[in-house]
Every structure is written in structure tokens, then in C-alpha cells.
Amino acid sequence: MTCNEPGHDRYVKLAQILSNLDRCEHGRHHNDSCYSCRGSASKGNPFMPPGTQVGFDHGGNPIIAPDWGKSVDDPESWK
């Protein structure tokens, strides 16, 4: 998909949402410096830790949040 194709902006916005799913409530990605989190490293999203089932796919298979360090915007990271 090129930048000029219809729907491109929608996919960009979706990618931005996905790439932010591992942030803590202070806006830092998991394991980034965050002096508001205990230990000065971001603990990540407390509502979606690795291994959390977030739903089901069309075939009824569970969708599982990826491990820390895996890219949440990479479909291969989701189980």
C-alpha cells in the first residue's frame, strides 16, 4: 500500500494504536526509563501483560498478547 491509496491513513492510525499497547500509564514503552514506575523502568501495560487472551479470531482461536520485546504491531508476534 502506498501513501496515496485510499485507506492508508486508517492503517497508519491502527499501526500507531498497536505500537502503543505496551506503554505504562505514564506513556513509556515496557522497560524504557520511567521514574514514575517502581524501579525506574516502565512495567508496561498492566491491562495486557504477555500471555493475556484478548479475544478470538474468526475461527474461534484465542488471540494472545505477545511477549515483552516482541513487536505488538507484527502479526507474527500474536499467538
PDB file of N, CA and C in Angstrom:
ATOM      1  N   MET A   1       0.844  -1.168   0.000  1.00  0.00           N
ATOM      2  CA  MET A   1       0.000   0.000   0.000  1.00  0.00           C
ATOM      3  C   MET A   1       0.894   1.238   0.000  1.00  0.00           C
ATOM      4  N   THR A   2       0.572   2.172  -0.862  1.00  0.00           N
ATOM      5  CA  THR A   2       1.322   3.414  -0.923  1.00  0.00           C
ATOM      6  C   THR A   2       0.581   4.492  -0.138  1.00  0.00           C
ATOM      7  N   CYS A   3       1.264   5.583   0.125  1.00  0.00           N
ATOM      8  CA  CYS A   3       0.680   6.675   0.908  1.00  0.00           C
ATOM      9  C   CYS A   3      -0.526   7.308   0.234  1.00  0.00           C
ATOM     10  N   ASN A   4      -0.659   7.145  -1.070  1.00  0.00           N
ATOM     11  CA  ASN A   4      -1.750   7.785  -1.796  1.00  0.00           C
ATOM     12  C   ASN A   4      -2.983   6.904  -1.932  1.00  0.00           C
ATOM     13  N   GLU A   5      -2.909   5.663  -1.526  1.00  0.00           N
ATOM     14  CA  GLU A   5      -4.048   4.757  -1.682  1.00  0.00           C
ATOM     15  C   GLU A   5      -5.132   5.060  -0.656  1.00  0.00           C
ATOM     16  N   PRO A   6      -6.392   4.892  -1.051  1.00  0.00           N
ATOM     17  CA  PRO A   6      -7.484   5.104  -0.096  1.00  0.00           C
ATOM     18  C   PRO A   6      -7.329   4.174   1.106  1.00  0.00           C
ATOM     19  N   GLY A   7      -7.580   4.696   2.277  1.00  0.00           N
ATOM     20  CA  GLY A   7      -7.491   3.886   3.489  1.00  0.00           C
ATOM     21  C   GLY A   7      -6.129   3.891   4.149  1.00  0.00           C
ATOM     22  N   HIS A   8      -5.125   4.484   3.485  1.00  0.00           N
ATOM     23  CA  HIS A   8      -3.769   4.482   4.051  1.00  0.00           C
ATOM     24  C   HIS A   8      -3.738   5.116   5.438  1.00  0.00           C
ATOM     25  N   ASP A   9      -4.379   6.260   5.604  1.00  0.00           N
ATOM     26  CA  ASP A   9      -4.371   6.953   6.897  1.00  0.00           C
ATOM     27  C   ASP A   9      -4.995   6.095   7.992  1.00  0.00           C
ATOM     28  N   ARG A  10      -5.996   5.330   7.625  1.00  0.00           N
ATOM     29  CA  ARG A  10      -6.650   4.444   8.601  1.00  0.00           C
ATOM     30  C   ARG A  10      -5.673   3.373   9.093  1.00  0.00           C
ATOM     31  N   TYR A  11      -4.897   2.809   8.176  1.00  0.00           N
ATOM     32  CA  TYR A  11      -3.908   1.795   8.563  1.00  0.00           C
ATOM     33  C   TYR A  11      -2.780   2.398   9.388  1.00  0.00           C
ATOM     34  N   VAL A  12      -2.398   3.615   9.088  1.00  0.00           N
ATOM     35  CA  VAL A  12      -1.364   4.304   9.870  1.00  0.00           C
ATOM     36  C   VAL A  12      -1.856   4.498  11.302  1.00  0.00           C
ATOM     37  N   LYS A  13      -3.101   4.949  11.460  1.00  0.00           N
ATOM     38  CA  LYS A  13      -3.658   5.151  12.795  1.00  0.00           C
ATOM     39  C   LYS A  13      -3.749   3.837  13.560  1.00  0.00           C
ATOM     40  N   LEU A  14      -4.142   2.765  12.881  1.00  0.00           N
ATOM     41  CA  LEU A  14      -4.213   1.457  13.525  1.00  0.00           C
ATOM     42  C   LEU A  14      -2.827   1.000  13.963  1.00  0.00           C
ATOM     43  N   ALA A  15      -1.830   1.188  13.125  1.00  0.00           N
ATOM     44  CA  ALA A  15      -0.455   0.819  13.479  1.00  0.00           C
ATOM     45  C   ALA A  15       0.025   1.622  14.687  1.00  0.00           C
ATOM     46  N   GLN A  16      -0.354   2.887  14.771  1.00  0.00           N
ATOM     47  CA  GLN A  16       0.036   3.708  15.921  1.00  0.00           C
ATOM     48  C   GLN A  16      -0.601   3.178  17.204  1.00  0.00           C
ATOM     49  N   ILE A  17      -1.853   2.777  17.123  1.00  0.00           N
ATOM     50  CA  ILE A  17      -2.515   2.214  18.302  1.00  0.00           C
ATOM     51  C   ILE A  17      -1.820   0.926  18.731  1.00  0.00           C
ATOM     52  N   LEU A  18      -1.582   0.033  17.792  1.00  0.00           N
ATOM     53  CA  LEU A  18      -0.944  -1.243  18.119  1.00  0.00           C
ATOM     54  C   LEU A  18       0.451  -1.052  18.698  1.00  0.00           C
ATOM     55  N   SER A  19       1.202  -0.109  18.142  1.00  0.00           N
ATOM     56  CA  SER A  19       2.575   0.085  18.611  1.00  0.00           C
ATOM     57  C   SER A  19       2.633   0.713  19.994  1.00  0.00           C
ATOM     58  N   ASN A  20       1.507   1.173  20.511  1.00  0.00           N
ATOM     59  CA  ASN A  20       1.475   1.782  21.840  1.00  0.00           C
ATOM     60  C   ASN A  20       0.859   0.885  22.903  1.00  0.00           C
ATOM     61  N   LEU A  21       0.469  -0.322  22.565  1.00  0.00           N
ATOM     62  CA  LEU A  21      -0.205  -1.196  23.517  1.00  0.00           C
ATOM     63  C   LEU A  21       0.671  -1.639  24.689  1.00  0.00           C
ATOM     64  N   ASP A  22       1.983  -1.522  24.568  1.00  0.00           N
ATOM     65  CA  ASP A  22       2.845  -1.962  25.663  1.00  0.00           C
ATOM     66  C   ASP A  22       3.237  -0.821  26.600  1.00  0.00           C
ATOM     67  N   ARG A  23       2.671   0.357  26.425  1.00  0.00           N
ATOM     68  CA  ARG A  23       3.046   1.505  27.263  1.00  0.00           C
ATOM     69  C   ARG A  23       2.402   1.430  28.650  1.00  0.00           C
ATOM     70  N   CYS A  24       3.138   1.929  29.649  1.00  0.00           N
ATOM     71  CA  CYS A  24       2.583   2.058  31.000  1.00  0.00           C
ATOM     72  C   CYS A  24       1.698   3.298  31.057  1.00  0.00           C
ATOM     73  N   GLU A  25       1.066   3.521  32.188  1.00  0.00           N
ATOM     74  CA  GLU A  25       0.155   4.658  32.323  1.00  0.00           C
ATOM     75  C   GLU A  25       0.853   6.009  32.246  1.00  0.00           C
ATOM     76  N   HIS A  26       2.185   5.994  32.306  1.00  0.00           N
ATOM     77  CA  HIS A  26       2.957   7.240  32.215  1.00  0.00           C
ATOM     78  C   HIS A  26       3.438   7.505  30.789  1.00  0.00           C
ATOM     79  N   GLY A  27       3.083   6.613  29.864  1.00  0.00           N
ATOM     80  CA  GLY A  27       3.395   6.823  28.457  1.00  0.00           C
ATOM     81  C   GLY A  27       4.706   6.232  27.981  1.00  0.00           C
ATOM     82  N   ARG A  28       5.350   5.407  28.793  1.00  0.00           N
ATOM     83  CA  ARG A  28       6.641   4.827  28.414  1.00  0.00           C
ATOM     84  C   ARG A  28       6.448   3.373  27.973  1.00  0.00           C
ATOM     85  N   HIS A  29       7.183   2.973  26.929  1.00  0.00           N
ATOM     86  CA  HIS A  29       7.156   1.580  26.487  1.00  0.00           C
ATOM     87  C   HIS A  29       7.734   0.685  27.579  1.00  0.00           C
ATOM     88  N   HIS A  30       7.323  -0.582  27.573  1.00  0.00           N
ATOM     89  CA  HIS A  30       7.840  -1.546  28.548  1.00  0.00           C
ATOM     90  C   HIS A  30       9.360  -1.500  28.584  1.00  0.00           C
ATOM     91  N   ASN A  31       9.895  -1.422  29.763  1.00  0.00           N
ATOM     92  CA  ASN A  31      11.324  -1.453  30.056  1.00  0.00           C
ATOM     93  C   ASN A  31      12.067  -0.165  29.708  1.00  0.00           C
ATOM     94  N   ASP A  32      11.386   0.861  29.164  1.00  0.00           N
ATOM     95  CA  ASP A  32      12.019   2.170  28.978  1.00  0.00           C
ATOM     96  C   ASP A  32      12.145   2.843  30.334  1.00  0.00           C
ATOM     97  N   SER A  33      12.994   3.831  30.435  1.00  0.00           N
ATOM     98  CA  SER A  33      13.119   4.594  31.675  1.00  0.00           C
ATOM     99  C   SER A  33      11.801   5.266  32.002  1.00  0.00           C
ATOM    100  N   CYS A  34      11.340   5.049  33.225  1.00  0.00           N
ATOM    101  CA  CYS A  34      10.111   5.685  33.701  1.00  0.00           C
ATOM    102  C   CYS A  34      10.266   5.863  35.205  1.00  0.00           C
ATOM    103  N   TYR A  35      10.550   7.070  35.618  1.00  0.00           N
ATOM    104  CA  TYR A  35      10.813   7.306  37.032  1.00  0.00           C
ATOM    105  C   TYR A  35       9.539   7.325  37.869  1.00  0.00           C
ATOM    106  N   SER A  36       8.382   7.212  37.220  1.00  0.00           N
ATOM    107  CA  SER A  36       7.131   7.116  37.958  1.00  0.00           C
ATOM    108  C   SER A  36       6.783   5.660  38.278  1.00  0.00           C
ATOM    109  N   CYS A  37       7.354   4.712  37.535  1.00  0.00           N
ATOM    110  CA  CYS A  37       7.166   3.290  37.826  1.00  0.00           C
ATOM    111  C   CYS A  37       8.213   2.863  38.856  1.00  0.00           C
ATOM    112  N   ARG A  38       7.867   1.927  39.706  1.00  0.00           N
ATOM    113  CA  ARG A  38       8.843   1.421  40.683  1.00  0.00           C
ATOM    114  C   ARG A  38      10.041   0.806  39.973  1.00  0.00           C
ATOM    115  N   GLY A  39      11.236   1.110  40.445  1.00  0.00           N
ATOM    116  CA  GLY A  39      12.444   0.539  39.878  1.00  0.00           C
ATOM    117  C   GLY A  39      12.981   1.336  38.695  1.00  0.00           C
ATOM    118  N   SER A  40      12.342   2.410  38.327  1.00  0.00           N
ATOM    119  CA  SER A  40      12.733   3.362  37.273  1.00  0.00           C
ATOM    120  C   SER A  40      12.632   2.823  35.848  1.00  0.00           C
ATOM    121  N   ALA A  41      12.116   1.612  35.666  1.00  0.00           N
ATOM    122  CA  ALA A  41      11.873   1.086  34.321  1.00  0.00           C
ATOM    123  C   ALA A  41      10.380   0.851  34.175  1.00  0.00           C
ATOM    124  N   SER A  42       9.841   1.179  33.004  1.00  0.00           N
ATOM    125  CA  SER A  42       8.410   1.008  32.759  1.00  0.00           C
ATOM    126  C   SER A  42       8.017  -0.458  32.928  1.00  0.00           C
ATOM    127  N   LYS A  43       6.917  -0.664  33.614  1.00  0.00           N
ATOM    128  CA  LYS A  43       6.375  -2.019  33.808  1.00  0.00           C
ATOM    129  C   LYS A  43       5.463  -2.412  32.654  1.00  0.00           C
ATOM    130  N   GLY A  44       5.218  -1.501  31.734  1.00  0.00           N
ATOM    131  CA  GLY A  44       4.362  -1.800  30.592  1.00  0.00           C
ATOM    132  C   GLY A  44       2.891  -1.690  30.937  1.00  0.00           C
ATOM    133  N   ASN A  45       2.059  -2.127  30.036  1.00  0.00           N
ATOM    134  CA  ASN A  45       0.612  -2.031  30.172  1.00  0.00           C
ATOM    135  C   ASN A  45       0.111  -3.067  31.180  1.00  0.00           C
ATOM    136  N   PRO A  46      -0.394  -2.621  32.340  1.00  0.00           N
ATOM    137  CA  PRO A  46      -0.848  -3.582  33.348  1.00  0.00           C
ATOM    138  C   PRO A  46      -2.124  -4.326  32.940  1.00  0.00           C
ATOM    139  N   PHE A  47      -2.825  -3.824  31.929  1.00  0.00           N
ATOM    140  CA  PHE A  47      -4.063  -4.441  31.489  1.00  0.00           C
ATOM    141  C   PHE A  47      -3.867  -5.483  30.399  1.00  0.00           C
ATOM    142  N   MET A  48      -2.640  -5.555  29.854  1.00  0.00           N
ATOM    143  CA  MET A  48      -2.380  -6.514  28.788  1.00  0.00           C
ATOM    144  C   MET A  48      -0.956  -7.066  28.895  1.00  0.00           C
ATOM    145  N   PRO A  49      -0.637  -7.753  29.996  1.00  0.00           N
ATOM    146  CA  PRO A  49       0.687  -8.353  30.096  1.00  0.00           C
ATOM    147  C   PRO A  49       0.819  -9.503  29.100  1.00  0.00           C
ATOM    148  N   PRO A  50       2.049  -9.918  28.796  1.00  0.00           N
ATOM    149  CA  PRO A  50       2.238 -11.035  27.870  1.00  0.00           C
ATOM    150  C   PRO A  50       1.415 -12.245  28.294  1.00  0.00           C
ATOM    151  N   GLY A  51       0.859 -12.909  27.316  1.00  0.00           N
ATOM    152  CA  GLY A  51       0.082 -14.107  27.587  1.00  0.00           C
ATOM    153  C   GLY A  51      -1.393 -13.856  27.847  1.00  0.00           C
ATOM    154  N   THR A  52      -1.808 -12.585  27.910  1.00  0.00           N
ATOM    155  CA  THR A  52      -3.215 -12.262  28.140  1.00  0.00           C
ATOM    156  C   THR A  52      -4.035 -12.591  26.906  1.00  0.00           C
ATOM    157  N   GLN A  53      -5.117 -13.307  27.101  1.00  0.00           N
ATOM    158  CA  GLN A  53      -6.031 -13.553  25.985  1.00  0.00           C
ATOM    159  C   GLN A  53      -6.887 -12.312  25.815  1.00  0.00           C
ATOM    160  N   VAL A  54      -6.863 -11.742  24.596  1.00  0.00           N
ATOM    161  CA  VAL A  54      -7.592 -10.506  24.338  1.00  0.00           C
ATOM    162  C   VAL A  54      -8.824 -10.716  23.469  1.00  0.00           C
ATOM    163  N   GLY A  55      -9.040 -11.920  23.013  1.00  0.00           N
ATOM    164  CA  GLY A  55     -10.198 -12.202  22.184  1.00  0.00           C
ATOM    165  C   GLY A  55     -10.032 -13.477  21.391  1.00  0.00           C
ATOM    166  N   PHE A  56     -10.815 -13.586  20.314  1.00  0.00           N
ATOM    167  CA  PHE A  56     -10.795 -14.760  19.454  1.00  0.00           C
ATOM    168  C   PHE A  56     -10.737 -14.314  18.003  1.00  0.00           C
ATOM    169  N   ASP A  57     -10.122 -15.131  17.156  1.00  0.00           N
ATOM    170  CA  ASP A  57     -10.129 -14.835  15.724  1.00  0.00           C
ATOM    171  C   ASP A  57     -11.408 -15.394  15.100  1.00  0.00           C
ATOM    172  N   HIS A  58     -11.540 -15.247  13.794  1.00  0.00           N
ATOM    173  CA  HIS A  58     -12.743 -15.665  13.079  1.00  0.00           C
ATOM    174  C   HIS A  58     -13.013 -17.166  13.231  1.00  0.00           C
ATOM    175  N   GLY A  59     -11.953 -17.937  13.410  1.00  0.00           N
ATOM    176  CA  GLY A  59     -12.101 -19.379  13.564  1.00  0.00           C
ATOM    177  C   GLY A  59     -12.327 -19.821  14.998  1.00  0.00           C
ATOM    178  N   GLY A  60     -12.435 -18.876  15.933  1.00  0.00           N
ATOM    179  CA  GLY A  60     -12.653 -19.218  17.329  1.00  0.00           C
ATOM    180  C   GLY A  60     -11.379 -19.502  18.104  1.00  0.00           C
ATOM    181  N   ASN A  61     -10.221 -19.281  17.480  1.00  0.00           N
ATOM    182  CA  ASN A  61      -8.945 -19.486  18.159  1.00  0.00           C
ATOM    183  C   ASN A  61      -8.610 -18.267  19.015  1.00  0.00           C
ATOM    184  N   PRO A  62      -8.012 -18.490  20.193  1.00  0.00           N
ATOM    185  CA  PRO A  62      -7.696 -17.352  21.061  1.00  0.00           C
ATOM    186  C   PRO A  62      -6.629 -16.446  20.450  1.00  0.00           C
ATOM    187  N   ILE A  63      -6.753 -15.149  20.731  1.00  0.00           N
ATOM    188  CA  ILE A  63      -5.734 -14.164  20.368  1.00  0.00           C
ATOM    189  C   ILE A  63      -5.020 -13.805  21.667  1.00  0.00           C
ATOM    190  N   ILE A  64      -3.694 -14.061  21.696  1.00  0.00           N
ATOM    191  CA  ILE A  64      -2.899 -13.898  22.906  1.00  0.00           C
ATOM    192  C   ILE A  64      -1.886 -12.770  22.706  1.00  0.00           C
ATOM    193  N   ALA A  65      -1.783 -11.878  23.707  1.00  0.00           N
ATOM    194  CA  ALA A  65      -0.824 -10.773  23.650  1.00  0.00           C
ATOM    195  C   ALA A  65       0.600 -11.313  23.554  1.00  0.00           C
ATOM    196  N   PRO A  66       1.450 -10.655  22.755  1.00  0.00           N
ATOM    197  CA  PRO A  66       2.827 -11.126  22.580  1.00  0.00           C
ATOM    198  C   PRO A  66       3.694 -10.921  23.813  1.00  0.00           C
ATOM    199  N   ASP A  67       4.795 -11.642  23.862  1.00  0.00           N
ATOM    200  CA  ASP A  67       5.772 -11.498  24.942  1.00  0.00           C
ATOM    201  C   ASP A  67       6.421 -10.131  24.876  1.00  0.00           C
ATOM    202  N   TRP A  68       6.903  -9.630  26.035  1.00  0.00           N
ATOM    203  CA  TRP A  68       7.644  -8.373  26.052  1.00  0.00           C
ATOM    204  C   TRP A  68       8.826  -8.518  25.104  1.00  0.00           C
ATOM    205  N   GLY A  69       9.144  -7.461  24.421  1.00  0.00           N
ATOM    206  CA  GLY A  69      10.257  -7.479  23.476  1.00  0.00           C
ATOM    207  C   GLY A  69       9.824  -7.829  22.064  1.00  0.00           C
ATOM    208  N   LYS A  70       8.650  -8.428  21.919  1.00  0.00           N
ATOM    209  CA  LYS A  70       8.101  -8.711  20.593  1.00  0.00           C
ATOM    210  C   LYS A  70       7.309  -7.484  20.163  1.00  0.00           C
ATOM    211  N   SER A  71       7.271  -7.228  18.892  1.00  0.00           N
ATOM    212  CA  SER A  71       6.568  -6.062  18.383  1.00  0.00           C
ATOM    213  C   SER A  71       5.065  -6.331  18.336  1.00  0.00           C
ATOM    214  N   VAL A  72       4.273  -5.515  19.038  1.00  0.00           N
ATOM    215  CA  VAL A  72       2.828  -5.709  19.049  1.00  0.00           C
ATOM    216  C   VAL A  72       2.201  -5.354  17.701  1.00  0.00           C
ATOM    217  N   ASP A  73       2.945  -4.627  16.854  1.00  0.00           N
ATOM    218  CA  ASP A  73       2.401  -4.299  15.530  1.00  0.00           C
ATOM    219  C   ASP A  73       2.836  -5.286  14.471  1.00  0.00           C
ATOM    220  N   ASP A  74       3.436  -6.417  14.895  1.00  0.00           N
ATOM    221  CA  ASP A  74       3.808  -7.505  13.983  1.00  0.00           C
ATOM    222  C   ASP A  74       2.832  -8.653  14.194  1.00  0.00           C
ATOM    223  N   PRO A  75       2.015  -8.974  13.191  1.00  0.00           N
ATOM    224  CA  PRO A  75       1.025 -10.045  13.365  1.00  0.00           C
ATOM    225  C   PRO A  75       1.631 -11.369  13.796  1.00  0.00           C
ATOM    226  N   GLU A  76       2.865 -11.624  13.444  1.00  0.00           N
ATOM    227  CA  GLU A  76       3.516 -12.893  13.808  1.00  0.00           C
ATOM    228  C   GLU A  76       3.799 -12.978  15.306  1.00  0.00           C
ATOM    229  N   SER A  77       3.779 -11.841  16.027  1.00  0.00           N
ATOM    230  CA  SER A  77       4.041 -11.834  17.468  1.00  0.00           C
ATOM    231  C   SER A  77       2.845 -12.327  18.277  1.00  0.00           C
ATOM    232  N   TRP A  78       1.657 -12.218  17.689  1.00  0.00           N
ATOM    233  CA  TRP A  78       0.437 -12.625  18.384  1.00  0.00           C
ATOM    234  C   TRP A  78       0.219 -14.116  18.194  1.00  0.00           C
ATOM    235  N   LYS A  79      -0.226 -14.792  19.222  1.00  0.00           N
ATOM    236  CA  LYS A  79      -0.423 -16.246  19.154  1.00  0.00           C
ATOM    237  C   LYS A  79      -1.870 -16.553  18.912  1.00  0.00           C
TER     238      LYS A  79
END
